[in-house]
Structure formats: C-alpha cells, structure tokens
C-alpha atoms as a PDB file:
ATOM      1  CA  MET A   1     -15.344  -8.807 -16.100  1.00  0.00           C
ATOM      2  CA  MET A   2     -12.647  -6.143 -16.268  1.00  0.00           C
ATOM      3  CA  ASP A   3     -12.559  -4.486 -19.685  1.00  0.00           C
ATOM      4  CA  ARG A   4      -9.612  -5.206 -21.969  1.00  0.00           C
ATOM      5  CA  CYS A   5      -8.169  -1.663 -21.875  1.00  0.00           C
ATOM      6  CA  ARG A   6      -8.182  -1.509 -18.081  1.00  0.00           C
ATOM      7  CA  ARG A   7      -6.571  -4.950 -17.840  1.00  0.00           C
ATOM      8  CA  ALA A   8      -3.845  -3.881 -20.260  1.00  0.00           C
ATOM      9  CA  TRP A   9      -3.232  -0.702 -18.249  1.00  0.00           C
ATOM     10  CA  ILE A  10      -3.024  -2.589 -14.959  1.00  0.00           C
ATOM     11  CA  ARG A  11      -0.790  -5.249 -16.530  1.00  0.00           C
ATOM     12  CA  GLY A  12       1.533  -2.539 -17.822  1.00  0.00           C
ATOM     13  CA  VAL A  13       1.753  -0.797 -14.458  1.00  0.00           C
ATOM     14  CA  VAL A  14       2.409  -4.028 -12.617  1.00  0.00           C
ATOM     15  CA  THR A  15       4.930  -5.287 -15.132  1.00  0.00           C
ATOM     16  CA  ALA A  16       6.780  -1.987 -15.158  1.00  0.00           C
ATOM     17  CA  LEU A  17       6.954  -2.034 -11.405  1.00  0.00           C
ATOM     18  CA  VAL A  18       8.750  -5.297 -11.773  1.00  0.00           C
ATOM     19  CA  LEU A  19       7.678  -7.982  -9.393  1.00  0.00           C
ATOM     20  CA  TRP A  20       6.129  -8.026  -6.055  1.00  0.00           C
ATOM     21  CA  GLY A  21       4.226 -10.275  -3.871  1.00  0.00           C
ATOM     22  CA  THR A  22       4.982 -13.227  -1.796  1.00  0.00           C
ATOM     23  CA  ALA A  23       7.816 -14.668  -3.804  1.00  0.00           C
ATOM     24  CA  CYS A  24       8.769 -18.286  -3.804  1.00  0.00           C
ATOM     25  CA  GLY A  25      10.341 -20.732  -6.142  1.00  0.00           C
ATOM     26  CA  GLY A  26      13.177 -23.180  -6.600  1.00  0.00           C
ATOM     27  CA  GLU A  27      16.553 -22.923  -5.003  1.00  0.00           C
ATOM     28  CA  ALA A  28      18.605 -20.019  -6.201  1.00  0.00           C
ATOM     29  CA  GLY A  29      21.350 -21.012  -8.576  1.00  0.00           C
ATOM     30  CA  SER A  30      24.125 -19.354 -10.472  1.00  0.00           C
ATOM     31  CA  GLY A  31      24.906 -19.092 -14.117  1.00  0.00           C
ATOM     32  CA  ALA A  32      28.584 -18.706 -13.207  1.00  0.00           C
ATOM     33  CA  PRO A  33      30.732 -21.614 -14.403  1.00  0.00           C
ATOM     34  CA  ASP A  34      32.128 -22.085 -10.905  1.00  0.00           C
ATOM     35  CA  GLY A  35      28.560 -22.438  -9.608  1.00  0.00           C
ATOM     36  CA  GLY A  36      29.174 -19.779  -6.987  1.00  0.00           C
ATOM     37  CA  ALA A  37      30.472 -16.282  -6.779  1.00  0.00           C
ATOM     38  CA  ALA A  38      29.208 -13.462  -8.928  1.00  0.00           C
ATOM     39  CA  ALA A  39      30.974 -10.205  -8.083  1.00  0.00           C
ATOM     40  CA  GLY A  40      31.812 -11.614  -4.666  1.00  0.00           C
ATOM     41  CA  ALA A  41      28.284 -12.786  -3.978  1.00  0.00           C
ATOM     42  CA  SER A  42      26.477 -16.063  -4.261  1.00  0.00           C
ATOM     43  CA  ALA A  43      23.283 -16.377  -6.249  1.00  0.00           C
ATOM     44  CA  PRO A  44      21.417 -17.161  -2.982  1.00  0.00           C
ATOM     45  CA  GLU A  45      22.603 -13.787  -1.575  1.00  0.00           C
ATOM     46  CA  VAL A  46      21.355 -12.027  -4.708  1.00  0.00           C
ATOM     47  CA  ALA A  47      18.090 -13.992  -4.571  1.00  0.00           C
ATOM     48  CA  ALA A  48      17.600 -12.874  -0.958  1.00  0.00           C
ATOM     49  CA  PHE A  49      17.908  -9.236  -2.073  1.00  0.00           C
ATOM     50  CA  LEU A  50      15.395  -9.804  -4.876  1.00  0.00           C
ATOM     51  CA  LEU A  51      12.945 -11.361  -2.408  1.00  0.00           C
ATOM     52  CA  ARG A  52      13.302  -8.355  -0.069  1.00  0.00           C
ATOM     53  CA  HIS A  53      12.626  -6.109  -3.067  1.00  0.00           C
ATOM     54  CA  LEU A  54       9.465  -8.057  -3.889  1.00  0.00           C
ATOM     55  CA  GLU A  55       8.292  -7.878  -0.287  1.00  0.00           C
ATOM     56  CA  ALA A  56       8.851  -4.107  -0.224  1.00  0.00           C
ATOM     57  CA  LEU A  57       6.858  -3.715  -3.445  1.00  0.00           C
ATOM     58  CA  GLU A  58       4.004  -5.846  -2.116  1.00  0.00           C
ATOM     59  CA  ALA A  59       3.932  -3.862   1.118  1.00  0.00           C
ATOM     60  CA  ARG A  60       4.235  -0.624  -0.862  1.00  0.00           C
ATOM     61  CA  ASP A  61       7.053   0.244   1.548  1.00  0.00           C
ATOM     62  CA  SER A  62       8.340   3.484   0.042  1.00  0.00           C
ATOM     63  CA  ALA A  63      11.070   3.954   2.663  1.00  0.00           C
ATOM     64  CA  GLN A  64      12.525   0.512   1.965  1.00  0.00           C
ATOM     65  CA  LEU A  65      12.188   0.917  -1.811  1.00  0.00           C
ATOM     66  CA  ARG A  66      14.005   4.274  -1.735  1.00  0.00           C
ATOM     67  CA  GLN A  67      16.989   2.456  -0.219  1.00  0.00           C
ATOM     68  CA  MET A  68      16.955  -0.281  -2.853  1.00  0.00           C
ATOM     69  CA  TYR A  69      17.372   1.847  -5.991  1.00  0.00           C
ATOM     70  CA  ALA A  70      20.386   3.878  -7.111  1.00  0.00           C
ATOM     71  CA  PRO A  71      19.728   7.642  -7.308  1.00  0.00           C
ATOM     72  CA  THR A  72      19.737   7.268 -11.080  1.00  0.00           C
ATOM     73  CA  PHE A  73      18.832   3.986 -12.722  1.00  0.00           C
ATOM     74  CA  VAL A  74      16.975   2.759 -15.759  1.00  0.00           C
ATOM     75  CA  TRP A  75      14.184   0.208 -15.811  1.00  0.00           C
ATOM     76  CA  LEU A  76      12.966  -1.218 -19.108  1.00  0.00           C
ATOM     77  CA  GLU A  77       9.701  -2.949 -19.847  1.00  0.00           C
ATOM     78  CA  ASP A  78       9.485  -5.092 -22.968  1.00  0.00           C
ATOM     79  CA  GLY A  79      12.197  -2.970 -24.575  1.00  0.00           C
ATOM     80  CA  ALA A  80      10.980   0.517 -23.597  1.00  0.00           C
ATOM     81  CA  VAL A  81      12.372   2.792 -20.860  1.00  0.00           C
ATOM     82  CA  ARG A  82       9.737   3.070 -18.107  1.00  0.00           C
ATOM     83  CA  TYR A  83      11.472   4.430 -15.007  1.00  0.00           C
ATOM     84  CA  ARG A  84      14.568   6.470 -14.229  1.00  0.00           C
ATOM     85  CA  ARG A  85      13.818   7.544 -10.650  1.00  0.00           C
ATOM     86  CA  VAL A  86      12.436   5.755  -7.625  1.00  0.00           C
ATOM     87  CA  GLU A  87       9.715   8.434  -7.359  1.00  0.00           C
ATOM     88  CA  GLU A  88       8.349   7.191 -10.696  1.00  0.00           C
ATOM     89  CA  VAL A  89       8.229   3.627  -9.352  1.00  0.00           C
ATOM     90  CA  LEU A  90       6.438   4.823  -6.214  1.00  0.00           C
ATOM     91  CA  ALA A  91       3.921   6.849  -8.254  1.00  0.00           C
ATOM     92  CA  GLY A  92       3.147   3.710 -10.250  1.00  0.00           C
ATOM     93  CA  LEU A  93       2.563   1.766  -7.046  1.00  0.00           C
ATOM     94  CA  GLU A  94       0.286   4.484  -5.704  1.00  0.00           C
ATOM     95  CA  SER A  95      -1.810   4.358  -8.880  1.00  0.00           C
ATOM     96  CA  LEU A  96      -2.969   0.843  -8.021  1.00  0.00           C
ATOM     97  CA  PRO A  97      -5.862   0.450  -5.585  1.00  0.00           C
ATOM     98  CA  ALA A  98      -4.479  -0.427  -2.149  1.00  0.00           C
ATOM     99  CA  GLU A  99      -6.751  -3.469  -1.928  1.00  0.00           C
ATOM    100  CA  THR A 100      -5.480  -4.975  -5.191  1.00  0.00           C
ATOM    101  CA  GLY A 101      -4.085  -8.421  -4.488  1.00  0.00           C
ATOM    102  CA  LEU A 102      -0.680  -9.171  -5.974  1.00  0.00           C
ATOM    103  CA  ARG A 103       1.283 -12.389  -5.948  1.00  0.00           C
ATOM    104  CA  THR A 104       4.503 -13.094  -7.781  1.00  0.00           C
ATOM    105  CA  VAL A 105       6.228 -16.430  -7.941  1.00  0.00           C
ATOM    106  CA  ILE A 106       9.826 -16.486  -9.138  1.00  0.00           C
ATOM    107  CA  GLY A 107      11.911 -19.376 -10.320  1.00  0.00           C
ATOM    108  CA  GLU A 108      15.600 -20.073 -10.045  1.00  0.00           C
ATOM    109  CA  VAL A 109      17.701 -16.917  -9.740  1.00  0.00           C
ATOM    110  CA  GLU A 110      20.824 -16.979 -11.874  1.00  0.00           C
ATOM    111  CA  ALA A 111      23.638 -14.459 -11.484  1.00  0.00           C
ATOM    112  CA  LEU A 112      26.822 -13.569 -13.341  1.00  0.00           C
ATOM    113  CA  PRO A 113      29.507 -10.994 -12.540  1.00  0.00           C
ATOM    114  CA  ALA A 114      29.013  -7.689 -14.363  1.00  0.00           C
ATOM    115  CA  GLY A 115      32.294  -6.071 -13.355  1.00  0.00           C
ATOM    116  CA  PRO A 116      33.844  -5.243  -9.988  1.00  0.00           C
ATOM    117  CA  GLY A 117      31.122  -5.063  -7.351  1.00  0.00           C
ATOM    118  CA  ALA A 118      28.277  -5.651  -9.810  1.00  0.00           C
ATOM    119  CA  VAL A 119      26.083  -8.547 -10.854  1.00  0.00           C
ATOM    120  CA  HIS A 120      23.538  -9.280 -13.555  1.00  0.00           C
ATOM    121  CA  ALA A 121      20.759 -11.502 -12.203  1.00  0.00           C
ATOM    122  CA  TRP A 122      17.627 -12.899 -13.828  1.00  0.00           C
ATOM    123  CA  THR A 123      14.702 -15.142 -12.997  1.00  0.00           C
ATOM    124  CA  PRO A 124      11.471 -16.327 -14.580  1.00  0.00           C
ATOM    125  CA  PHE A 125       8.303 -15.057 -12.910  1.00  0.00           C
ATOM    126  CA  ALA A 126       4.530 -15.284 -12.881  1.00  0.00           C
ATOM    127  CA  THR A 127       2.437 -12.489 -11.375  1.00  0.00           C
ATOM    128  CA  THR A 128      -1.232 -12.738 -10.471  1.00  0.00           C
ATOM    129  CA  LEU A 129      -3.089  -9.470 -10.103  1.00  0.00           C
ATOM    130  CA  GLY A 130      -6.356  -9.452  -8.207  1.00  0.00           C
ATOM    131  CA  GLU A 131      -8.299 -12.317  -6.741  1.00  0.00           C
ATOM    132  CA  GLY A 132     -11.220 -14.462  -7.736  1.00  0.00           C
ATOM    133  CA  PRO A 133     -12.822 -14.259 -11.184  1.00  0.00           C
ATOM    134  CA  GLU A 134     -11.299 -10.818 -11.865  1.00  0.00           C
ATOM    135  CA  ALA A 135      -7.721 -12.050 -11.340  1.00  0.00           C
ATOM    136  CA  PHE A 136      -5.336 -12.549 -14.204  1.00  0.00           C
ATOM    137  CA  THR A 137      -1.792 -13.839 -14.487  1.00  0.00           C
ATOM    138  CA  PHE A 138       1.097 -12.882 -16.712  1.00  0.00           C
ATOM    139  CA  SER A 139       4.649 -14.173 -16.802  1.00  0.00           C
ATOM    140  CA  GLY A 140       8.071 -13.668 -18.304  1.00  0.00           C
ATOM    141  CA  VAL A 141      11.618 -12.976 -17.212  1.00  0.00           C
ATOM    142  CA  LEU A 142      12.904 -10.328 -14.844  1.00  0.00           C
ATOM    143  CA  SER A 143      16.499  -9.113 -15.151  1.00  0.00           C
ATOM    144  CA  TYR A 144      18.350  -6.931 -12.641  1.00  0.00           C
ATOM    145  CA  VAL A 145      21.698  -5.148 -12.736  1.00  0.00           C
ATOM    146  CA  LEU A 146      22.838  -4.743  -9.134  1.00  0.00           C
ATOM    147  CA  GLU A 147      25.787  -2.914  -7.652  1.00  0.00           C
ATOM    148  CA  ARG A 148      27.286  -3.627  -4.257  1.00  0.00           C
ATOM    149  CA  ARG A 149      27.100  -0.637  -1.935  1.00  0.00           C
ATOM    150  CA  PRO A 150      30.268   0.474  -0.129  1.00  0.00           C
ATOM    151  CA  THR A 151      28.437  -0.260   3.132  1.00  0.00           C
ATOM    152  CA  GLY A 152      27.409  -3.733   1.929  1.00  0.00           C
ATOM    153  CA  GLY A 153      24.235  -5.008   0.380  1.00  0.00           C
ATOM    154  CA  TRP A 154      22.909  -4.326  -3.091  1.00  0.00           C
ATOM    155  CA  ILE A 155      21.306  -1.466  -4.967  1.00  0.00           C
ATOM    156  CA  ILE A 156      19.363  -1.629  -8.246  1.00  0.00           C
ATOM    157  CA  VAL A 157      21.055   0.287 -11.079  1.00  0.00           C
ATOM    158  CA  GLY A 158      19.036  -1.219 -13.904  1.00  0.00           C
ATOM    159  CA  GLY A 159      16.719  -3.933 -14.971  1.00  0.00           C
ATOM    160  CA  HIS A 160      14.205  -5.206 -17.454  1.00  0.00           C
ATOM    161  CA  THR A 161      10.888  -7.016 -17.383  1.00  0.00           C
ATOM    162  CA  SER A 162       9.944  -9.049 -20.447  1.00  0.00           C
ATOM    163  CA  THR A 163       6.534 -10.679 -20.603  1.00  0.00           C
ATOM    164  CA  ASP A 164       5.469 -13.736 -22.547  1.00  0.00           C
ATOM    165  CA  GLY A 165       2.443 -12.199 -24.114  1.00  0.00           C
END
C-alpha cells in the first residue's frame, strides 16, 4: 500500500493540475437565468472546451496545453496559489510517472458571464489516480475563469480546485 505521505503528494500534484482523464458526466447546463448564453457562449460550448482541456492533460499534450492557458494566469488549489505559468503546470505533469492511470469524471458544467468575452464556469469532479488496489479517488469542485480569444475559442486565465477532504 502506498504510504500516506506519497499519496498526499500525488493527490496534491493531481489536484493542482486540475482535472484530466476521460471526462464524462451529465448534460452541460448553465447557471445563467436565461438558461443559455454566458459571454456569448452556451454552457455546452464551455463544457466542450473543458473536456478538451481534460483530454490534453490526460495525454500530457504539452503543445495543446500551451495553447489553452493565457500567458499569465493564476491557478488556486484549496485556497493557495499553485501555478502562474503553463510551464509550472507541465512540470507538475512530468513529475508523475507516465504509466500512472488517471480518470476524472465531471458533472454538470454551469457557466455565468464574467464580463465582455469572459465566463466563469464550474463543475463537480471525481478523480481516480492509479489502478487496482493502489488506486484512490478524491473529489470536489473545479472552477475556471475563461476568456474568449480574438480568433475564437477559449483560454484559461484563472481557476481553482477545491477538494472535499
């Protein structure tokens, strides 16, 4: 059995890296009163971006991830600043053994406008790290602040991962 310190370290790295894995869940929704647009985008459009982000993390696709983060951003984990540059996110990914199994399941994605061309989106999640008897799962809520690029699509300018335990 993996010792407690190592499990805590791995949990911290994975949580700070947000979510990854083969994501699935309920239909994307919207917290907007009109049930639709958030900064000109539907919650399903935002959810699609989040799923692409998860896939890129699972694949450890550094080229794709570099395109998904703003040049400067802030990522918080349980109330503490963890990352400010995509290189820090990539270094965290590289610190995990390549063979480590990861699976994240997300729930309904909700999204609200956060100003012109921006959206605040959040979703519950559960991540399983590893496989078999060594695997463990943790869960919580993931929150993103996204900005629409001039060329279309989204870019991550901030976010936060809060875990249940």
